[in-house]
Amino acid sequence: LWKETKAKASVVVGHDGAVYCISDVNREKGLDKIYRNVYNNYKELGYDTDNAKRRATDALYKTKAFYYLEVE
């Protein structure tokens, strides 16, 4: 969604069946760089790939560069 400038929102279905809507993306923040830096830092600390990805994703949520909610 962040890279697709024409997109206004995205619906994401998680592996557990949870459905999320992501919108209002601030494309001026370098989300890809933030993700990559956090991911690499955790990998260097010895975290496995899944945990490093999870923590990098959590870091993106904390930027408040987009709005997301779980759709019930």
PDB file of N, CA and C in Angstrom:
ATOM      1  N   LEU A   1       0.826  -1.189   0.000  1.00  0.00           N
ATOM      2  CA  LEU A   1       0.000   0.000   0.000  1.00  0.00           C
ATOM      3  C   LEU A   1       0.872   1.255   0.000  1.00  0.00           C
ATOM      4  N   TRP A   2       1.930   1.229   0.787  1.00  0.00           N
ATOM      5  CA  TRP A   2       2.793   2.404   0.926  1.00  0.00           C
ATOM      6  C   TRP A   2       3.429   2.779  -0.409  1.00  0.00           C
ATOM      7  N   LYS A   3       3.807   1.796  -1.196  1.00  0.00           N
ATOM      8  CA  LYS A   3       4.482   2.074  -2.462  1.00  0.00           C
ATOM      9  C   LYS A   3       3.511   2.354  -3.613  1.00  0.00           C
ATOM     10  N   GLU A   4       2.281   1.931  -3.497  1.00  0.00           N
ATOM     11  CA  GLU A   4       1.286   2.104  -4.562  1.00  0.00           C
ATOM     12  C   GLU A   4       0.532   3.411  -4.330  1.00  0.00           C
ATOM     13  N   THR A   5       0.981   4.472  -4.970  1.00  0.00           N
ATOM     14  CA  THR A   5       0.458   5.810  -4.688  1.00  0.00           C
ATOM     15  C   THR A   5      -1.013   5.987  -5.052  1.00  0.00           C
ATOM     16  N   LYS A   6      -1.533   5.198  -5.964  1.00  0.00           N
ATOM     17  CA  LYS A   6      -2.945   5.317  -6.339  1.00  0.00           C
ATOM     18  C   LYS A   6      -3.865   4.629  -5.336  1.00  0.00           C
ATOM     19  N   ALA A   7      -3.324   3.759  -4.529  1.00  0.00           N
ATOM     20  CA  ALA A   7      -4.142   3.025  -3.558  1.00  0.00           C
ATOM     21  C   ALA A   7      -4.463   3.900  -2.357  1.00  0.00           C
ATOM     22  N   LYS A   8      -5.677   3.840  -1.899  1.00  0.00           N
ATOM     23  CA  LYS A   8      -6.118   4.608  -0.736  1.00  0.00           C
ATOM     24  C   LYS A   8      -6.210   3.744   0.519  1.00  0.00           C
ATOM     25  N   ALA A   9      -6.422   2.444   0.322  1.00  0.00           N
ATOM     26  CA  ALA A   9      -6.552   1.521   1.451  1.00  0.00           C
ATOM     27  C   ALA A   9      -6.226   0.115   0.976  1.00  0.00           C
ATOM     28  N   SER A  10      -6.005  -0.752   1.936  1.00  0.00           N
ATOM     29  CA  SER A  10      -5.713  -2.148   1.630  1.00  0.00           C
ATOM     30  C   SER A  10      -6.399  -3.033   2.668  1.00  0.00           C
ATOM     31  N   VAL A  11      -6.929  -4.141   2.208  1.00  0.00           N
ATOM     32  CA  VAL A  11      -7.506  -5.137   3.105  1.00  0.00           C
ATOM     33  C   VAL A  11      -6.537  -6.302   3.162  1.00  0.00           C
ATOM     34  N   VAL A  12      -6.195  -6.698   4.377  1.00  0.00           N
ATOM     35  CA  VAL A  12      -5.204  -7.756   4.576  1.00  0.00           C
ATOM     36  C   VAL A  12      -5.837  -8.852   5.411  1.00  0.00           C
ATOM     37  N   VAL A  13      -5.664 -10.107   4.959  1.00  0.00           N
ATOM     38  CA  VAL A  13      -6.149 -11.260   5.712  1.00  0.00           C
ATOM     39  C   VAL A  13      -4.943 -11.978   6.284  1.00  0.00           C
ATOM     40  N   GLY A  14      -4.918 -12.114   7.596  1.00  0.00           N
ATOM     41  CA  GLY A  14      -3.807 -12.771   8.272  1.00  0.00           C
ATOM     42  C   GLY A  14      -3.905 -14.287   8.190  1.00  0.00           C
ATOM     43  N   HIS A  15      -2.821 -14.943   8.544  1.00  0.00           N
ATOM     44  CA  HIS A  15      -2.776 -16.404   8.500  1.00  0.00           C
ATOM     45  C   HIS A  15      -3.789 -17.042   9.440  1.00  0.00           C
ATOM     46  N   ASP A  16      -4.235 -16.284  10.423  1.00  0.00           N
ATOM     47  CA  ASP A  16      -5.216 -16.802  11.379  1.00  0.00           C
ATOM     48  C   ASP A  16      -6.648 -16.434  10.998  1.00  0.00           C
ATOM     49  N   GLY A  17      -6.822 -15.813   9.824  1.00  0.00           N
ATOM     50  CA  GLY A  17      -8.145 -15.433   9.350  1.00  0.00           C
ATOM     51  C   GLY A  17      -8.577 -14.036   9.769  1.00  0.00           C
ATOM     52  N   ALA A  18      -7.772 -13.359  10.578  1.00  0.00           N
ATOM     53  CA  ALA A  18      -8.091 -11.994  10.974  1.00  0.00           C
ATOM     54  C   ALA A  18      -8.025 -11.079   9.750  1.00  0.00           C
ATOM     55  N   VAL A  19      -8.941 -10.134   9.684  1.00  0.00           N
ATOM     56  CA  VAL A  19      -9.010  -9.210   8.549  1.00  0.00           C
ATOM     57  C   VAL A  19      -8.715  -7.797   9.052  1.00  0.00           C
ATOM     58  N   TYR A  20      -7.815  -7.104   8.372  1.00  0.00           N
ATOM     59  CA  TYR A  20      -7.410  -5.754   8.749  1.00  0.00           C
ATOM     60  C   TYR A  20      -7.595  -4.816   7.568  1.00  0.00           C
ATOM     61  N   CYS A  21      -7.898  -3.574   7.872  1.00  0.00           N
ATOM     62  CA  CYS A  21      -7.958  -2.518   6.873  1.00  0.00           C
ATOM     63  C   CYS A  21      -6.861  -1.513   7.214  1.00  0.00           C
ATOM     64  N   ILE A  22      -6.041  -1.196   6.231  1.00  0.00           N
ATOM     65  CA  ILE A  22      -4.958  -0.236   6.400  1.00  0.00           C
ATOM     66  C   ILE A  22      -5.263   0.946   5.481  1.00  0.00           C
ATOM     67  N   SER A  23      -5.153   2.164   6.026  1.00  0.00           N
ATOM     68  CA  SER A  23      -5.458   3.351   5.224  1.00  0.00           C
ATOM     69  C   SER A  23      -4.691   4.560   5.756  1.00  0.00           C
ATOM     70  N   ASP A  24      -4.912   5.698   5.098  1.00  0.00           N
ATOM     71  CA  ASP A  24      -4.317   6.977   5.506  1.00  0.00           C
ATOM     72  C   ASP A  24      -2.808   6.887   5.678  1.00  0.00           C
ATOM     73  N   VAL A  25      -2.142   6.368   4.664  1.00  0.00           N
ATOM     74  CA  VAL A  25      -0.694   6.169   4.716  1.00  0.00           C
ATOM     75  C   VAL A  25       0.031   7.485   4.478  1.00  0.00           C
ATOM     76  N   ASN A  26       0.978   7.799   5.344  1.00  0.00           N
ATOM     77  CA  ASN A  26       1.851   8.955   5.165  1.00  0.00           C
ATOM     78  C   ASN A  26       3.047   8.478   4.345  1.00  0.00           C
ATOM     79  N   ARG A  27       3.020   8.751   3.068  1.00  0.00           N
ATOM     80  CA  ARG A  27       4.062   8.243   2.166  1.00  0.00           C
ATOM     81  C   ARG A  27       5.372   9.020   2.269  1.00  0.00           C
ATOM     82  N   GLU A  28       5.387  10.068   3.073  1.00  0.00           N
ATOM     83  CA  GLU A  28       6.611  10.841   3.241  1.00  0.00           C
ATOM     84  C   GLU A  28       7.565  10.207   4.239  1.00  0.00           C
ATOM     85  N   LYS A  29       7.065   9.307   5.057  1.00  0.00           N
ATOM     86  CA  LYS A  29       7.937   8.596   6.002  1.00  0.00           C
ATOM     87  C   LYS A  29       8.573   7.420   5.267  1.00  0.00           C
ATOM     88  N   GLY A  30       9.832   7.197   5.519  1.00  0.00           N
ATOM     89  CA  GLY A  30      10.559   6.105   4.880  1.00  0.00           C
ATOM     90  C   GLY A  30      10.304   4.775   5.574  1.00  0.00           C
ATOM     91  N   LEU A  31       9.088   4.261   5.416  1.00  0.00           N
ATOM     92  CA  LEU A  31       8.719   3.030   6.122  1.00  0.00           C
ATOM     93  C   LEU A  31       9.599   1.844   5.749  1.00  0.00           C
ATOM     94  N   ASP A  32       9.990   1.773   4.490  1.00  0.00           N
ATOM     95  CA  ASP A  32      10.851   0.660   4.083  1.00  0.00           C
ATOM     96  C   ASP A  32      12.205   0.728   4.788  1.00  0.00           C
ATOM     97  N   LYS A  33      12.730   1.932   4.946  1.00  0.00           N
ATOM     98  CA  LYS A  33      14.015   2.106   5.632  1.00  0.00           C
ATOM     99  C   LYS A  33      13.883   1.795   7.125  1.00  0.00           C
ATOM    100  N   ILE A  34      12.804   2.265   7.736  1.00  0.00           N
ATOM    101  CA  ILE A  34      12.573   1.977   9.156  1.00  0.00           C
ATOM    102  C   ILE A  34      12.491   0.473   9.367  1.00  0.00           C
ATOM    103  N   TYR A  35      11.692  -0.203   8.549  1.00  0.00           N
ATOM    104  CA  TYR A  35      11.531  -1.656   8.665  1.00  0.00           C
ATOM    105  C   TYR A  35      12.879  -2.360   8.525  1.00  0.00           C
ATOM    106  N   ARG A  36      13.594  -2.019   7.472  1.00  0.00           N
ATOM    107  CA  ARG A  36      14.879  -2.666   7.188  1.00  0.00           C
ATOM    108  C   ARG A  36      15.873  -2.461   8.330  1.00  0.00           C
ATOM    109  N   ASN A  37      15.949  -1.248   8.855  1.00  0.00           N
ATOM    110  CA  ASN A  37      16.889  -0.971   9.949  1.00  0.00           C
ATOM    111  C   ASN A  37      16.546  -1.752  11.213  1.00  0.00           C
ATOM    112  N   VAL A  38      15.277  -1.746  11.589  1.00  0.00           N
ATOM    113  CA  VAL A  38      14.867  -2.476  12.793  1.00  0.00           C
ATOM    114  C   VAL A  38      15.077  -3.968  12.598  1.00  0.00           C
ATOM    115  N   TYR A  39      14.675  -4.482  11.437  1.00  0.00           N
ATOM    116  CA  TYR A  39      14.858  -5.902  11.137  1.00  0.00           C
ATOM    117  C   TYR A  39      16.335  -6.292  11.251  1.00  0.00           C
ATOM    118  N   ASN A  40      17.194  -5.520  10.602  1.00  0.00           N
ATOM    119  CA  ASN A  40      18.636  -5.835  10.619  1.00  0.00           C
ATOM    120  C   ASN A  40      19.214  -5.763  12.036  1.00  0.00           C
ATOM    121  N   ASN A  41      18.760  -4.792  12.815  1.00  0.00           N
ATOM    122  CA  ASN A  41      19.240  -4.685  14.199  1.00  0.00           C
ATOM    123  C   ASN A  41      18.892  -5.931  15.003  1.00  0.00           C
ATOM    124  N   TYR A  42      17.666  -6.404  14.868  1.00  0.00           N
ATOM    125  CA  TYR A  42      17.274  -7.598  15.619  1.00  0.00           C
ATOM    126  C   TYR A  42      17.977  -8.853  15.108  1.00  0.00           C
ATOM    127  N   LYS A  43      18.212  -8.940  13.822  1.00  0.00           N
ATOM    128  CA  LYS A  43      18.966 -10.084  13.285  1.00  0.00           C
ATOM    129  C   LYS A  43      20.386 -10.084  13.851  1.00  0.00           C
ATOM    130  N   GLU A  44      21.006  -8.901  13.926  1.00  0.00           N
ATOM    131  CA  GLU A  44      22.355  -8.803  14.487  1.00  0.00           C
ATOM    132  C   GLU A  44      22.387  -9.194  15.966  1.00  0.00           C
ATOM    133  N   LEU A  45      21.273  -8.981  16.655  1.00  0.00           N
ATOM    134  CA  LEU A  45      21.182  -9.364  18.064  1.00  0.00           C
ATOM    135  C   LEU A  45      20.917 -10.863  18.246  1.00  0.00           C
ATOM    136  N   GLY A  46      20.742 -11.576  17.131  1.00  0.00           N
ATOM    137  CA  GLY A  46      20.557 -13.016  17.191  1.00  0.00           C
ATOM    138  C   GLY A  46      19.121 -13.496  17.124  1.00  0.00           C
ATOM    139  N   TYR A  47      18.178 -12.590  16.871  1.00  0.00           N
ATOM    140  CA  TYR A  47      16.779 -12.991  16.749  1.00  0.00           C
ATOM    141  C   TYR A  47      16.574 -13.793  15.462  1.00  0.00           C
ATOM    142  N   ASP A  48      15.675 -14.765  15.504  1.00  0.00           N
ATOM    143  CA  ASP A  48      15.366 -15.513  14.287  1.00  0.00           C
ATOM    144  C   ASP A  48      14.565 -14.614  13.344  1.00  0.00           C
ATOM    145  N   THR A  49      14.434 -15.044  12.107  1.00  0.00           N
ATOM    146  CA  THR A  49      13.804 -14.237  11.072  1.00  0.00           C
ATOM    147  C   THR A  49      12.377 -13.834  11.436  1.00  0.00           C
ATOM    148  N   ASP A  50      11.575 -14.778  11.909  1.00  0.00           N
ATOM    149  CA  ASP A  50      10.179 -14.465  12.232  1.00  0.00           C
ATOM    150  C   ASP A  50      10.067 -13.412  13.327  1.00  0.00           C
ATOM    151  N   ASN A  51      10.857 -13.539  14.372  1.00  0.00           N
ATOM    152  CA  ASN A  51      10.810 -12.557  15.459  1.00  0.00           C
ATOM    153  C   ASN A  51      11.338 -11.201  15.021  1.00  0.00           C
ATOM    154  N   ALA A  52      12.372 -11.183  14.197  1.00  0.00           N
ATOM    155  CA  ALA A  52      12.899  -9.917  13.687  1.00  0.00           C
ATOM    156  C   ALA A  52      11.850  -9.229  12.813  1.00  0.00           C
ATOM    157  N   LYS A  53      11.138  -9.990  11.981  1.00  0.00           N
ATOM    158  CA  LYS A  53      10.070  -9.424  11.145  1.00  0.00           C
ATOM    159  C   LYS A  53       8.947  -8.865  12.002  1.00  0.00           C
ATOM    160  N   ARG A  54       8.563  -9.609  13.019  1.00  0.00           N
ATOM    161  CA  ARG A  54       7.477  -9.182  13.905  1.00  0.00           C
ATOM    162  C   ARG A  54       7.831  -7.872  14.610  1.00  0.00           C
ATOM    163  N   ARG A  55       9.054  -7.789  15.098  1.00  0.00           N
ATOM    164  CA  ARG A  55       9.479  -6.573  15.796  1.00  0.00           C
ATOM    165  C   ARG A  55       9.611  -5.387  14.841  1.00  0.00           C
ATOM    166  N   ALA A  56      10.057  -5.642  13.620  1.00  0.00           N
ATOM    167  CA  ALA A  56      10.149  -4.569  12.624  1.00  0.00           C
ATOM    168  C   ALA A  56       8.750  -4.072  12.255  1.00  0.00           C
ATOM    169  N   THR A  57       7.803  -4.984  12.140  1.00  0.00           N
ATOM    170  CA  THR A  57       6.423  -4.598  11.852  1.00  0.00           C
ATOM    171  C   THR A  57       5.852  -3.791  13.014  1.00  0.00           C
ATOM    172  N   ASP A  58       6.124  -4.204  14.235  1.00  0.00           N
ATOM    173  CA  ASP A  58       5.680  -3.438  15.405  1.00  0.00           C
ATOM    174  C   ASP A  58       6.241  -2.020  15.377  1.00  0.00           C
ATOM    175  N   ALA A  59       7.487  -1.878  14.941  1.00  0.00           N
ATOM    176  CA  ALA A  59       8.107  -0.551  14.852  1.00  0.00           C
ATOM    177  C   ALA A  59       7.358   0.328  13.849  1.00  0.00           C
ATOM    178  N   LEU A  60       6.874  -0.268  12.756  1.00  0.00           N
ATOM    179  CA  LEU A  60       6.104   0.503  11.779  1.00  0.00           C
ATOM    180  C   LEU A  60       4.792   0.994  12.384  1.00  0.00           C
ATOM    181  N   TYR A  61       4.126   0.140  13.162  1.00  0.00           N
ATOM    182  CA  TYR A  61       2.886   0.555  13.815  1.00  0.00           C
ATOM    183  C   TYR A  61       3.134   1.764  14.716  1.00  0.00           C
ATOM    184  N   LYS A  62       4.255   1.780  15.388  1.00  0.00           N
ATOM    185  CA  LYS A  62       4.562   2.858  16.331  1.00  0.00           C
ATOM    186  C   LYS A  62       4.834   4.200  15.642  1.00  0.00           C
ATOM    187  N   THR A  63       5.146   4.180  14.339  1.00  0.00           N
ATOM    188  CA  THR A  63       5.393   5.433  13.615  1.00  0.00           C
ATOM    189  C   THR A  63       4.126   6.239  13.411  1.00  0.00           C
ATOM    190  N   LYS A  64       2.984   5.567  13.506  1.00  0.00           N
ATOM    191  CA  LYS A  64       1.675   6.178  13.251  1.00  0.00           C
ATOM    192  C   LYS A  64       1.619   6.795  11.858  1.00  0.00           C
ATOM    193  N   ALA A  65       2.325   6.189  10.920  1.00  0.00           N
ATOM    194  CA  ALA A  65       2.359   6.649   9.544  1.00  0.00           C
ATOM    195  C   ALA A  65       1.179   6.117   8.732  1.00  0.00           C
ATOM    196  N   PHE A  66       0.336   5.301   9.361  1.00  0.00           N
ATOM    197  CA  PHE A  66      -0.859   4.787   8.707  1.00  0.00           C
ATOM    198  C   PHE A  66      -1.860   4.381   9.783  1.00  0.00           C
ATOM    199  N   TYR A  67      -3.090   4.233   9.343  1.00  0.00           N
ATOM    200  CA  TYR A  67      -4.160   3.838  10.247  1.00  0.00           C
ATOM    201  C   TYR A  67      -4.521   2.391   9.930  1.00  0.00           C
ATOM    202  N   TYR A  68      -4.735   1.589  10.946  1.00  0.00           N
ATOM    203  CA  TYR A  68      -5.174   0.210  10.704  1.00  0.00           C
ATOM    204  C   TYR A  68      -6.172  -0.201  11.764  1.00  0.00           C
ATOM    205  N   LEU A  69      -7.068  -1.087  11.373  1.00  0.00           N
ATOM    206  CA  LEU A  69      -8.019  -1.619  12.325  1.00  0.00           C
ATOM    207  C   LEU A  69      -8.400  -3.024  11.925  1.00  0.00           C
ATOM    208  N   GLU A  70      -8.775  -3.802  12.909  1.00  0.00           N
ATOM    209  CA  GLU A  70      -9.233  -5.154  12.630  1.00  0.00           C
ATOM    210  C   GLU A  70     -10.719  -5.086  12.305  1.00  0.00           C
ATOM    211  N   VAL A  71     -11.087  -5.702  11.191  1.00  0.00           N
ATOM    212  CA  VAL A  71     -12.474  -5.730  10.743  1.00  0.00           C
ATOM    213  C   VAL A  71     -13.146  -6.958  11.345  1.00  0.00           C
ATOM    214  N   GLU A  72     -14.254  -6.749  11.996  1.00  0.00           N
ATOM    215  CA  GLU A  72     -14.933  -7.885  12.637  1.00  0.00           C
ATOM    216  C   GLU A  72     -16.063  -8.403  11.798  1.00  0.00           C
TER     217      GLU A  72
END
